[in-house]
Amino acid sequence: MRQDRSGKWTASCLAPDGERVRAPETFETKKDAEIWLSQGEADLSRGDWRAPDAAAVDFR
């Protein structure tokens, strides 16, 4: 997690494949960013984690 100049927080974590996954939004508080990270960790531990862009389809 890190705080931007605007004061908002960004969060990211490493996916099982080693790719960095960034939260799709910024957070008003550090606590909100921590919650996003905790939910991702819980998904990983349960085996429920899915890449945020897994459903994206590139039709090019």
C-alpha atoms as a PDB file:
ATOM      1  CA  MET A   1       0.000   0.000   0.000  1.00  0.00           C
ATOM      2  CA  ARG A   2       1.059   3.540  -0.538  1.00  0.00           C
ATOM      3  CA  GLN A   3      -0.430   6.966  -0.209  1.00  0.00           C
ATOM      4  CA  ASP A   4      -0.701   9.176  -3.296  1.00  0.00           C
ATOM      5  CA  ARG A   5      -0.078  12.909  -3.297  1.00  0.00           C
ATOM      6  CA  SER A   6      -3.834  13.360  -3.265  1.00  0.00           C
ATOM      7  CA  GLY A   7      -3.969  11.595   0.093  1.00  0.00           C
ATOM      8  CA  LYS A   8      -5.766   8.562  -1.295  1.00  0.00           C
ATOM      9  CA  TRP A   9      -4.381   5.061  -0.839  1.00  0.00           C
ATOM     10  CA  THR A  10      -3.518   2.490  -3.489  1.00  0.00           C
ATOM     11  CA  ALA A  11      -3.119  -1.208  -2.812  1.00  0.00           C
ATOM     12  CA  SER A  12      -1.592  -4.083  -4.723  1.00  0.00           C
ATOM     13  CA  CYS A  13      -0.500  -7.646  -4.113  1.00  0.00           C
ATOM     14  CA  LEU A  14       1.236 -10.482  -5.914  1.00  0.00           C
ATOM     15  CA  ALA A  15      -1.007 -13.039  -7.590  1.00  0.00           C
ATOM     16  CA  PRO A  16      -0.160 -16.749  -7.471  1.00  0.00           C
ATOM     17  CA  ASP A  17       1.433 -16.438 -10.921  1.00  0.00           C
ATOM     18  CA  GLY A  18       3.770 -13.706  -9.660  1.00  0.00           C
ATOM     19  CA  GLU A  19       1.996 -10.857 -11.449  1.00  0.00           C
ATOM     20  CA  ARG A  20       1.264  -7.688  -9.475  1.00  0.00           C
ATOM     21  CA  VAL A  21      -2.479  -7.084  -9.117  1.00  0.00           C
ATOM     22  CA  ARG A  22      -3.575  -3.541  -8.340  1.00  0.00           C
ATOM     23  CA  ALA A  23      -6.859  -2.624  -6.735  1.00  0.00           C
ATOM     24  CA  PRO A  24      -9.312  -1.347  -9.343  1.00  0.00           C
ATOM     25  CA  GLU A  25      -9.838   1.816  -7.327  1.00  0.00           C
ATOM     26  CA  THR A  26      -8.095   4.087  -4.854  1.00  0.00           C
ATOM     27  CA  PHE A  27      -9.188   4.235  -1.235  1.00  0.00           C
ATOM     28  CA  GLU A  28     -10.013   7.172   0.996  1.00  0.00           C
ATOM     29  CA  THR A  29      -8.397   5.582   4.038  1.00  0.00           C
ATOM     30  CA  LYS A  30      -5.505   3.247   4.752  1.00  0.00           C
ATOM     31  CA  LYS A  31      -7.958   0.974   6.557  1.00  0.00           C
ATOM     32  CA  ASP A  32     -10.049   0.578   3.373  1.00  0.00           C
ATOM     33  CA  ALA A  33      -6.925  -0.410   1.429  1.00  0.00           C
ATOM     34  CA  GLU A  34      -6.015  -2.904   4.159  1.00  0.00           C
ATOM     35  CA  ILE A  35      -9.486  -4.435   3.923  1.00  0.00           C
ATOM     36  CA  TRP A  36      -9.096  -4.902   0.151  1.00  0.00           C
ATOM     37  CA  LEU A  37      -5.761  -6.663   0.715  1.00  0.00           C
ATOM     38  CA  SER A  38      -7.205  -8.837   3.492  1.00  0.00           C
ATOM     39  CA  GLN A  39     -10.083  -9.940   1.278  1.00  0.00           C
ATOM     40  CA  GLY A  40      -7.633 -10.916  -1.462  1.00  0.00           C
ATOM     41  CA  GLU A  41      -5.531 -12.896   1.004  1.00  0.00           C
ATOM     42  CA  ALA A  42      -8.658 -14.668   2.273  1.00  0.00           C
ATOM     43  CA  ASP A  43      -9.657 -15.555  -1.296  1.00  0.00           C
ATOM     44  CA  LEU A  44      -6.172 -16.962  -1.912  1.00  0.00           C
ATOM     45  CA  SER A  45      -6.227 -19.090   1.225  1.00  0.00           C
ATOM     46  CA  ARG A  46      -9.657 -20.515   0.316  1.00  0.00           C
ATOM     47  CA  GLY A  47      -8.631 -21.139  -3.285  1.00  0.00           C
ATOM     48  CA  ASP A  48     -11.291 -18.698  -4.511  1.00  0.00           C
ATOM     49  CA  TRP A  49      -8.957 -16.074  -5.962  1.00  0.00           C
ATOM     50  CA  ARG A  50      -9.562 -15.039  -9.571  1.00  0.00           C
ATOM     51  CA  ALA A  51      -7.601 -12.531 -11.585  1.00  0.00           C
ATOM     52  CA  PRO A  52      -9.587  -9.272 -11.828  1.00  0.00           C
ATOM     53  CA  ASP A  53      -9.352  -9.347 -15.631  1.00  0.00           C
ATOM     54  CA  ALA A  54     -10.029 -13.096 -15.977  1.00  0.00           C
ATOM     55  CA  ALA A  55     -13.400 -12.413 -17.589  1.00  0.00           C
ATOM     56  CA  ALA A  56     -12.020  -9.789 -19.970  1.00  0.00           C
ATOM     57  CA  VAL A  57     -12.078 -10.826 -23.588  1.00  0.00           C
ATOM     58  CA  ASP A  58      -9.927  -9.144 -26.212  1.00  0.00           C
ATOM     59  CA  PHE A  59     -11.726  -9.299 -29.557  1.00  0.00           C
ATOM     60  CA  ARG A  60      -8.886  -7.740 -31.539  1.00  0.00           C
END
